[in-house]
Amino acid sequence: MAEKIATKAVQFRYEAPEAGSVFIAGDFNNWDTHVGELKKDKVGVWKASLKLKPGRYEYKFLVDGEWRNDPSCRQCTQNRFGSQNCVIEVK
């Protein structure tokens, strides 16, 4: 019988009071830019909580149709488009 791997709730935040929409895309959702919509709070911080299995993931935010890195991310890696992706390690 296969062992069930526990997921962990991971919080993502992006401060952009002027933005009309913010999505998160990465390895965890096959870079689908239509499923990871963040919700904006009263002060303009966009937030989402994703349940992820332990592992290493690359991701970026899509802010009003433009790719942006997470300003709070401490680790980035080169991508095939000549820019960088953010990296998160889920333990």
PDB file of N, CA and C in Angstrom:
ATOM      1  N   MET A   1       0.833  -1.170   0.000  1.00  0.00           N
ATOM      2  CA  MET A   1       0.000   0.000   0.000  1.00  0.00           C
ATOM      3  C   MET A   1       0.889   1.249   0.000  1.00  0.00           C
ATOM      4  N   ALA A   2       0.550   2.205  -0.833  1.00  0.00           N
ATOM      5  CA  ALA A   2       1.359   3.426  -0.943  1.00  0.00           C
ATOM      6  C   ALA A   2       1.142   4.314   0.272  1.00  0.00           C
ATOM      7  N   GLU A   3       2.237   4.871   0.765  1.00  0.00           N
ATOM      8  CA  GLU A   3       2.169   5.773   1.904  1.00  0.00           C
ATOM      9  C   GLU A   3       1.685   7.138   1.422  1.00  0.00           C
ATOM     10  N   LYS A   4       0.749   7.710   2.146  1.00  0.00           N
ATOM     11  CA  LYS A   4       0.227   9.027   1.787  1.00  0.00           C
ATOM     12  C   LYS A   4       1.199  10.096   2.282  1.00  0.00           C
ATOM     13  N   ILE A   5       1.607  10.977   1.376  1.00  0.00           N
ATOM     14  CA  ILE A   5       2.529  12.052   1.742  1.00  0.00           C
ATOM     15  C   ILE A   5       1.710  13.260   2.185  1.00  0.00           C
ATOM     16  N   ALA A   6       2.009  13.734   3.373  1.00  0.00           N
ATOM     17  CA  ALA A   6       1.280  14.880   3.923  1.00  0.00           C
ATOM     18  C   ALA A   6       1.639  16.160   3.180  1.00  0.00           C
ATOM     19  N   THR A   7       0.646  17.006   3.004  1.00  0.00           N
ATOM     20  CA  THR A   7       0.888  18.315   2.408  1.00  0.00           C
ATOM     21  C   THR A   7       1.004  19.342   3.518  1.00  0.00           C
ATOM     22  N   LYS A   8       1.586  20.463   3.165  1.00  0.00           N
ATOM     23  CA  LYS A   8       1.763  21.551   4.125  1.00  0.00           C
ATOM     24  C   LYS A   8       1.183  22.821   3.507  1.00  0.00           C
ATOM     25  N   ALA A   9       0.469  23.583   4.315  1.00  0.00           N
ATOM     26  CA  ALA A   9      -0.073  24.857   3.836  1.00  0.00           C
ATOM     27  C   ALA A   9       1.067  25.874   3.761  1.00  0.00           C
ATOM     28  N   VAL A  10       1.272  26.439   2.586  1.00  0.00           N
ATOM     29  CA  VAL A  10       2.332  27.422   2.367  1.00  0.00           C
ATOM     30  C   VAL A  10       1.683  28.747   1.969  1.00  0.00           C
ATOM     31  N   GLN A  11       2.035  29.793   2.704  1.00  0.00           N
ATOM     32  CA  GLN A  11       1.468  31.118   2.446  1.00  0.00           C
ATOM     33  C   GLN A  11       2.319  31.880   1.430  1.00  0.00           C
ATOM     34  N   PHE A  12       1.664  32.461   0.438  1.00  0.00           N
ATOM     35  CA  PHE A  12       2.327  33.330  -0.527  1.00  0.00           C
ATOM     36  C   PHE A  12       1.689  34.707  -0.418  1.00  0.00           C
ATOM     37  N   ARG A  13       2.523  35.757  -0.491  1.00  0.00           N
ATOM     38  CA  ARG A  13       2.059  37.145  -0.379  1.00  0.00           C
ATOM     39  C   ARG A  13       2.746  37.985  -1.451  1.00  0.00           C
ATOM     40  N   TYR A  14       2.012  38.952  -1.966  1.00  0.00           N
ATOM     41  CA  TYR A  14       2.602  39.895  -2.910  1.00  0.00           C
ATOM     42  C   TYR A  14       1.952  41.257  -2.670  1.00  0.00           C
ATOM     43  N   GLU A  15       2.760  42.239  -2.334  1.00  0.00           N
ATOM     44  CA  GLU A  15       2.247  43.579  -2.060  1.00  0.00           C
ATOM     45  C   GLU A  15       2.155  44.370  -3.357  1.00  0.00           C
ATOM     46  N   ALA A  16       0.911  44.694  -3.749  1.00  0.00           N
ATOM     47  CA  ALA A  16       0.675  45.455  -4.977  1.00  0.00           C
ATOM     48  C   ALA A  16      -0.709  46.096  -4.898  1.00  0.00           C
ATOM     49  N   PRO A  17      -0.828  47.182  -4.120  1.00  0.00           N
ATOM     50  CA  PRO A  17      -2.145  47.814  -3.946  1.00  0.00           C
ATOM     51  C   PRO A  17      -2.777  48.267  -5.260  1.00  0.00           C
ATOM     52  N   GLU A  18      -1.936  48.599  -6.250  1.00  0.00           N
ATOM     53  CA  GLU A  18      -2.437  49.118  -7.516  1.00  0.00           C
ATOM     54  C   GLU A  18      -2.847  48.018  -8.500  1.00  0.00           C
ATOM     55  N   ALA A  19      -2.520  46.775  -8.211  1.00  0.00           N
ATOM     56  CA  ALA A  19      -2.768  45.682  -9.155  1.00  0.00           C
ATOM     57  C   ALA A  19      -4.247  45.311  -9.226  1.00  0.00           C
ATOM     58  N   GLY A  20      -4.670  44.889 -10.413  1.00  0.00           N
ATOM     59  CA  GLY A  20      -6.040  44.429 -10.625  1.00  0.00           C
ATOM     60  C   GLY A  20      -6.179  42.930 -10.456  1.00  0.00           C
ATOM     61  N   SER A  21      -5.080  42.200 -10.685  1.00  0.00           N
ATOM     62  CA  SER A  21      -5.108  40.742 -10.499  1.00  0.00           C
ATOM     63  C   SER A  21      -3.688  40.237 -10.244  1.00  0.00           C
ATOM     64  N   VAL A  22      -3.599  39.219  -9.396  1.00  0.00           N
ATOM     65  CA  VAL A  22      -2.320  38.565  -9.108  1.00  0.00           C
ATOM     66  C   VAL A  22      -2.568  37.060  -9.065  1.00  0.00           C
ATOM     67  N   PHE A  23      -1.785  36.333  -9.840  1.00  0.00           N
ATOM     68  CA  PHE A  23      -1.827  34.877  -9.852  1.00  0.00           C
ATOM     69  C   PHE A  23      -0.442  34.348  -9.490  1.00  0.00           C
ATOM     70  N   ILE A  24      -0.399  33.125  -8.992  1.00  0.00           N
ATOM     71  CA  ILE A  24       0.879  32.460  -8.764  1.00  0.00           C
ATOM     72  C   ILE A  24       0.914  31.226  -9.642  1.00  0.00           C
ATOM     73  N   ALA A  25       2.062  31.017 -10.290  1.00  0.00           N
ATOM     74  CA  ALA A  25       2.236  29.847 -11.146  1.00  0.00           C
ATOM     75  C   ALA A  25       3.607  29.259 -10.874  1.00  0.00           C
ATOM     76  N   GLY A  26       3.701  27.936 -10.986  1.00  0.00           N
ATOM     77  CA  GLY A  26       4.971  27.268 -10.740  1.00  0.00           C
ATOM     78  C   GLY A  26       4.882  25.789 -11.038  1.00  0.00           C
ATOM     79  N   ASP A  27       5.943  25.075 -10.664  1.00  0.00           N
ATOM     80  CA  ASP A  27       5.974  23.626 -10.896  1.00  0.00           C
ATOM     81  C   ASP A  27       4.773  22.931 -10.254  1.00  0.00           C
ATOM     82  N   PHE A  28       4.309  23.471  -9.128  1.00  0.00           N
ATOM     83  CA  PHE A  28       3.238  22.837  -8.365  1.00  0.00           C
ATOM     84  C   PHE A  28       1.894  22.857  -9.074  1.00  0.00           C
ATOM     85  N   ASN A  29       1.717  23.730 -10.083  1.00  0.00           N
ATOM     86  CA  ASN A  29       0.462  23.738 -10.853  1.00  0.00           C
ATOM     87  C   ASN A  29       0.714  23.752 -12.363  1.00  0.00           C
ATOM     88  N   ASN A  30       1.861  23.192 -12.751  1.00  0.00           N
ATOM     89  CA  ASN A  30       2.250  23.122 -14.169  1.00  0.00           C
ATOM     90  C   ASN A  30       2.245  24.487 -14.844  1.00  0.00           C
ATOM     91  N   TRP A  31       2.614  25.517 -14.093  1.00  0.00           N
ATOM     92  CA  TRP A  31       2.710  26.893 -14.584  1.00  0.00           C
ATOM     93  C   TRP A  31       1.393  27.380 -15.188  1.00  0.00           C
ATOM     94  N   ASP A  32       0.286  26.894 -14.649  1.00  0.00           N
ATOM     95  CA  ASP A  32      -1.033  27.317 -15.109  1.00  0.00           C
ATOM     96  C   ASP A  32      -1.335  28.698 -14.521  1.00  0.00           C
ATOM     97  N   THR A  33      -1.482  29.683 -15.377  1.00  0.00           N
ATOM     98  CA  THR A  33      -1.676  31.065 -14.935  1.00  0.00           C
ATOM     99  C   THR A  33      -3.141  31.397 -14.655  1.00  0.00           C
ATOM    100  N   HIS A  34      -4.017  30.387 -14.679  1.00  0.00           N
ATOM    101  CA  HIS A  34      -5.436  30.649 -14.470  1.00  0.00           C
ATOM    102  C   HIS A  34      -5.994  30.061 -13.179  1.00  0.00           C
ATOM    103  N   VAL A  35      -5.200  29.299 -12.435  1.00  0.00           N
ATOM    104  CA  VAL A  35      -5.756  28.618 -11.265  1.00  0.00           C
ATOM    105  C   VAL A  35      -5.304  29.189  -9.925  1.00  0.00           C
ATOM    106  N   GLY A  36      -4.163  29.796  -9.843  1.00  0.00           N
ATOM    107  CA  GLY A  36      -3.626  30.248  -8.559  1.00  0.00           C
ATOM    108  C   GLY A  36      -3.887  31.706  -8.273  1.00  0.00           C
ATOM    109  N   GLU A  37      -5.149  32.113  -8.252  1.00  0.00           N
ATOM    110  CA  GLU A  37      -5.457  33.524  -8.025  1.00  0.00           C
ATOM    111  C   GLU A  37      -5.319  33.881  -6.547  1.00  0.00           C
ATOM    112  N   LEU A  38      -4.645  34.998  -6.283  1.00  0.00           N
ATOM    113  CA  LEU A  38      -4.494  35.498  -4.928  1.00  0.00           C
ATOM    114  C   LEU A  38      -5.631  36.465  -4.631  1.00  0.00           C
ATOM    115  N   LYS A  39      -5.955  36.609  -3.355  1.00  0.00           N
ATOM    116  CA  LYS A  39      -7.012  37.530  -2.921  1.00  0.00           C
ATOM    117  C   LYS A  39      -6.367  38.751  -2.274  1.00  0.00           C
ATOM    118  N   LYS A  40      -6.902  39.940  -2.609  1.00  0.00           N
ATOM    119  CA  LYS A  40      -6.336  41.189  -2.084  1.00  0.00           C
ATOM    120  C   LYS A  40      -7.022  41.586  -0.779  1.00  0.00           C
ATOM    121  N   ASP A  41      -6.189  41.961   0.224  1.00  0.00           N
ATOM    122  CA  ASP A  41      -6.750  42.443   1.484  1.00  0.00           C
ATOM    123  C   ASP A  41      -6.937  43.966   1.426  1.00  0.00           C
ATOM    124  N   LYS A  42      -7.381  44.550   2.536  1.00  0.00           N
ATOM    125  CA  LYS A  42      -7.719  45.985   2.577  1.00  0.00           C
ATOM    126  C   LYS A  42      -6.544  46.910   2.324  1.00  0.00           C
ATOM    127  N   VAL A  43      -5.318  46.447   2.617  1.00  0.00           N
ATOM    128  CA  VAL A  43      -4.150  47.316   2.444  1.00  0.00           C
ATOM    129  C   VAL A  43      -3.374  47.028   1.152  1.00  0.00           C
ATOM    130  N   GLY A  44      -3.917  46.156   0.296  1.00  0.00           N
ATOM    131  CA  GLY A  44      -3.295  45.911  -0.995  1.00  0.00           C
ATOM    132  C   GLY A  44      -2.292  44.778  -1.035  1.00  0.00           C
ATOM    133  N   VAL A  45      -2.342  43.893  -0.037  1.00  0.00           N
ATOM    134  CA  VAL A  45      -1.466  42.718  -0.046  1.00  0.00           C
ATOM    135  C   VAL A  45      -2.273  41.536  -0.562  1.00  0.00           C
ATOM    136  N   TRP A  46      -1.764  40.921  -1.610  1.00  0.00           N
ATOM    137  CA  TRP A  46      -2.407  39.756  -2.216  1.00  0.00           C
ATOM    138  C   TRP A  46      -1.895  38.508  -1.515  1.00  0.00           C
ATOM    139  N   LYS A  47      -2.813  37.576  -1.189  1.00  0.00           N
ATOM    140  CA  LYS A  47      -2.431  36.390  -0.423  1.00  0.00           C
ATOM    141  C   LYS A  47      -3.096  35.131  -0.971  1.00  0.00           C
ATOM    142  N   ALA A  48      -2.369  34.027  -0.818  1.00  0.00           N
ATOM    143  CA  ALA A  48      -2.918  32.705  -1.141  1.00  0.00           C
ATOM    144  C   ALA A  48      -2.214  31.680  -0.279  1.00  0.00           C
ATOM    145  N   SER A  49      -2.949  30.642   0.067  1.00  0.00           N
ATOM    146  CA  SER A  49      -2.381  29.521   0.802  1.00  0.00           C
ATOM    147  C   SER A  49      -2.521  28.281  -0.077  1.00  0.00           C
ATOM    148  N   LEU A  50      -1.399  27.640  -0.379  1.00  0.00           N
ATOM    149  CA  LEU A  50      -1.408  26.446  -1.219  1.00  0.00           C
ATOM    150  C   LEU A  50      -0.957  25.250  -0.409  1.00  0.00           C
ATOM    151  N   LYS A  51      -1.585  24.113  -0.632  1.00  0.00           N
ATOM    152  CA  LYS A  51      -1.169  22.879   0.030  1.00  0.00           C
ATOM    153  C   LYS A  51      -0.166  22.175  -0.878  1.00  0.00           C
ATOM    154  N   LEU A  52       1.084  22.091  -0.403  1.00  0.00           N
ATOM    155  CA  LEU A  52       2.160  21.518  -1.211  1.00  0.00           C
ATOM    156  C   LEU A  52       2.791  20.336  -0.492  1.00  0.00           C
ATOM    157  N   LYS A  53       3.193  19.343  -1.269  1.00  0.00           N
ATOM    158  CA  LYS A  53       3.952  18.213  -0.731  1.00  0.00           C
ATOM    159  C   LYS A  53       5.391  18.664  -0.507  1.00  0.00           C
ATOM    160  N   PRO A  54       6.114  17.990   0.379  1.00  0.00           N
ATOM    161  CA  PRO A  54       7.523  18.344   0.571  1.00  0.00           C
ATOM    162  C   PRO A  54       8.291  18.268  -0.756  1.00  0.00           C
ATOM    163  N   GLY A  55       9.186  19.233  -0.963  1.00  0.00           N
ATOM    164  CA  GLY A  55       9.989  19.256  -2.179  1.00  0.00           C
ATOM    165  C   GLY A  55      10.449  20.656  -2.522  1.00  0.00           C
ATOM    166  N   ARG A  56      11.082  20.776  -3.671  1.00  0.00           N
ATOM    167  CA  ARG A  56      11.614  22.050  -4.163  1.00  0.00           C
ATOM    168  C   ARG A  56      10.748  22.500  -5.326  1.00  0.00           C
ATOM    169  N   TYR A  57      10.306  23.730  -5.273  1.00  0.00           N
ATOM    170  CA  TYR A  57       9.424  24.263  -6.308  1.00  0.00           C
ATOM    171  C   TYR A  57       9.942  25.595  -6.823  1.00  0.00           C
ATOM    172  N   GLU A  58       9.761  25.814  -8.129  1.00  0.00           N
ATOM    173  CA  GLU A  58      10.040  27.107  -8.744  1.00  0.00           C
ATOM    174  C   GLU A  58       8.706  27.785  -9.013  1.00  0.00           C
ATOM    175  N   TYR A  59       8.668  29.122  -8.853  1.00  0.00           N
ATOM    176  CA  TYR A  59       7.419  29.844  -9.061  1.00  0.00           C
ATOM    177  C   TYR A  59       7.673  31.305  -9.397  1.00  0.00           C
ATOM    178  N   LYS A  60       6.619  31.968  -9.873  1.00  0.00           N
ATOM    179  CA  LYS A  60       6.618  33.412 -10.121  1.00  0.00           C
ATOM    180  C   LYS A  60       5.188  33.911  -9.933  1.00  0.00           C
ATOM    181  N   PHE A  61       5.061  35.211  -9.773  1.00  0.00           N
ATOM    182  CA  PHE A  61       3.743  35.834  -9.732  1.00  0.00           C
ATOM    183  C   PHE A  61       3.441  36.432 -11.104  1.00  0.00           C
ATOM    184  N   LEU A  62       2.176  36.411 -11.482  1.00  0.00           N
ATOM    185  CA  LEU A  62       1.709  37.068 -12.699  1.00  0.00           C
ATOM    186  C   LEU A  62       0.832  38.229 -12.240  1.00  0.00           C
ATOM    187  N   VAL A  63       1.374  39.447 -12.339  1.00  0.00           N
ATOM    188  CA  VAL A  63       0.713  40.649 -11.835  1.00  0.00           C
ATOM    189  C   VAL A  63       0.216  41.460 -13.025  1.00  0.00           C
ATOM    190  N   ASP A  64      -1.094  41.551 -13.161  1.00  0.00           N
ATOM    191  CA  ASP A  64      -1.704  42.258 -14.302  1.00  0.00           C
ATOM    192  C   ASP A  64      -1.070  41.831 -15.626  1.00  0.00           C
ATOM    193  N   GLY A  65      -0.828  40.539 -15.766  1.00  0.00           N
ATOM    194  CA  GLY A  65      -0.309  39.991 -17.021  1.00  0.00           C
ATOM    195  C   GLY A  65       1.203  40.030 -17.175  1.00  0.00           C
ATOM    196  N   GLU A  66       1.932  40.544 -16.172  1.00  0.00           N
ATOM    197  CA  GLU A  66       3.394  40.610 -16.242  1.00  0.00           C
ATOM    198  C   GLU A  66       4.016  39.715 -15.190  1.00  0.00           C
ATOM    199  N   TRP A  67       5.031  38.938 -15.595  1.00  0.00           N
ATOM    200  CA  TRP A  67       5.733  38.053 -14.657  1.00  0.00           C
ATOM    201  C   TRP A  67       6.569  38.877 -13.685  1.00  0.00           C
ATOM    202  N   ARG A  68       6.455  38.552 -12.405  1.00  0.00           N
ATOM    203  CA  ARG A  68       7.229  39.236 -11.370  1.00  0.00           C
ATOM    204  C   ARG A  68       7.771  38.212 -10.384  1.00  0.00           C
ATOM    205  N   ASN A  69       8.948  38.485  -9.852  1.00  0.00           N
ATOM    206  CA  ASN A  69       9.508  37.630  -8.805  1.00  0.00           C
ATOM    207  C   ASN A  69       8.958  38.053  -7.451  1.00  0.00           C
ATOM    208  N   ASP A  70       9.026  37.143  -6.522  1.00  0.00           N
ATOM    209  CA  ASP A  70       8.589  37.373  -5.152  1.00  0.00           C
ATOM    210  C   ASP A  70       9.673  38.176  -4.435  1.00  0.00           C
ATOM    211  N   PRO A  71       9.399  39.426  -4.015  1.00  0.00           N
ATOM    212  CA  PRO A  71      10.418  40.230  -3.352  1.00  0.00           C
ATOM    213  C   PRO A  71      10.937  39.610  -2.053  1.00  0.00           C
ATOM    214  N   SER A  72      10.145  38.744  -1.427  1.00  0.00           N
ATOM    215  CA  SER A  72      10.578  38.134  -0.167  1.00  0.00           C
ATOM    216  C   SER A  72      11.322  36.819  -0.368  1.00  0.00           C
ATOM    217  N   CYS A  73      11.472  36.394  -1.610  1.00  0.00           N
ATOM    218  CA  CYS A  73      12.155  35.124  -1.896  1.00  0.00           C
ATOM    219  C   CYS A  73      13.668  35.280  -1.704  1.00  0.00           C
ATOM    220  N   ARG A  74      14.263  34.308  -1.006  1.00  0.00           N
ATOM    221  CA  ARG A  74      15.705  34.373  -0.728  1.00  0.00           C
ATOM    222  C   ARG A  74      16.533  33.589  -1.744  1.00  0.00           C
ATOM    223  N   GLN A  75      15.887  32.746  -2.537  1.00  0.00           N
ATOM    224  CA  GLN A  75      16.639  31.916  -3.481  1.00  0.00           C
ATOM    225  C   GLN A  75      15.973  31.955  -4.853  1.00  0.00           C
ATOM    226  N   CYS A  76      16.763  32.216  -5.884  1.00  0.00           N
ATOM    227  CA  CYS A  76      16.272  32.223  -7.259  1.00  0.00           C
ATOM    228  C   CYS A  76      17.165  31.326  -8.113  1.00  0.00           C
ATOM    229  N   THR A  77      16.647  30.933  -9.254  1.00  0.00           N
ATOM    230  CA  THR A  77      17.411  30.115 -10.181  1.00  0.00           C
ATOM    231  C   THR A  77      17.119  30.572 -11.605  1.00  0.00           C
ATOM    232  N   GLN A  78      18.098  30.428 -12.469  1.00  0.00           N
ATOM    233  CA  GLN A  78      17.965  30.820 -13.871  1.00  0.00           C
ATOM    234  C   GLN A  78      16.901  29.956 -14.547  1.00  0.00           C
ATOM    235  N   ASN A  79      16.073  30.575 -15.385  1.00  0.00           N
ATOM    236  CA  ASN A  79      15.116  29.792 -16.170  1.00  0.00           C
ATOM    237  C   ASN A  79      15.484  29.833 -17.646  1.00  0.00           C
ATOM    238  N   ARG A  80      14.758  29.083 -18.443  1.00  0.00           N
ATOM    239  CA  ARG A  80      15.108  28.964 -19.875  1.00  0.00           C
ATOM    240  C   ARG A  80      14.745  30.200 -20.688  1.00  0.00           C
ATOM    241  N   PHE A  81      14.111  31.187 -20.064  1.00  0.00           N
ATOM    242  CA  PHE A  81      13.727  32.408 -20.773  1.00  0.00           C
ATOM    243  C   PHE A  81      14.703  33.553 -20.539  1.00  0.00           C
ATOM    244  N   GLY A  82      15.798  33.277 -19.828  1.00  0.00           N
ATOM    245  CA  GLY A  82      16.811  34.295 -19.592  1.00  0.00           C
ATOM    246  C   GLY A  82      16.541  35.153 -18.370  1.00  0.00           C
ATOM    247  N   SER A  83      15.517  34.812 -17.624  1.00  0.00           N
ATOM    248  CA  SER A  83      15.259  35.527 -16.367  1.00  0.00           C
ATOM    249  C   SER A  83      15.370  34.527 -15.219  1.00  0.00           C
ATOM    250  N   GLN A  84      14.822  34.870 -14.076  1.00  0.00           N
ATOM    251  CA  GLN A  84      14.957  33.996 -12.924  1.00  0.00           C
ATOM    252  C   GLN A  84      13.588  33.615 -12.366  1.00  0.00           C
ATOM    253  N   ASN A  85      13.537  32.422 -11.780  1.00  0.00           N
ATOM    254  CA  ASN A  85      12.363  31.966 -11.046  1.00  0.00           C
ATOM    255  C   ASN A  85      12.709  31.958  -9.567  1.00  0.00           C
ATOM    256  N   CYS A  86      11.708  32.167  -8.734  1.00  0.00           N
ATOM    257  CA  CYS A  86      11.871  32.038  -7.296  1.00  0.00           C
ATOM    258  C   CYS A  86      11.854  30.559  -6.937  1.00  0.00           C
ATOM    259  N   VAL A  87      12.519  30.208  -5.856  1.00  0.00           N
ATOM    260  CA  VAL A  87      12.589  28.812  -5.395  1.00  0.00           C
ATOM    261  C   VAL A  87      12.105  28.763  -3.959  1.00  0.00           C
ATOM    262  N   ILE A  88      11.254  27.777  -3.670  1.00  0.00           N
ATOM    263  CA  ILE A  88      10.814  27.527  -2.309  1.00  0.00           C
ATOM    264  C   ILE A  88      11.034  26.051  -1.991  1.00  0.00           C
ATOM    265  N   GLU A  89      11.528  25.786  -0.804  1.00  0.00           N
ATOM    266  CA  GLU A  89      11.715  24.420  -0.322  1.00  0.00           C
ATOM    267  C   GLU A  89      10.669  24.150   0.741  1.00  0.00           C
ATOM    268  N   VAL A  90       9.834  23.153   0.495  1.00  0.00           N
ATOM    269  CA  VAL A  90       8.820  22.761   1.466  1.00  0.00           C
ATOM    270  C   VAL A  90       9.336  21.530   2.208  1.00  0.00           C
ATOM    271  N   LYS A  91       9.415  21.621   3.507  1.00  0.00           N
ATOM    272  CA  LYS A  91       9.952  20.515   4.321  1.00  0.00           C
ATOM    273  C   LYS A  91       8.836  19.631   4.816  1.00  0.00           C
TER     274      LYS A  91
END
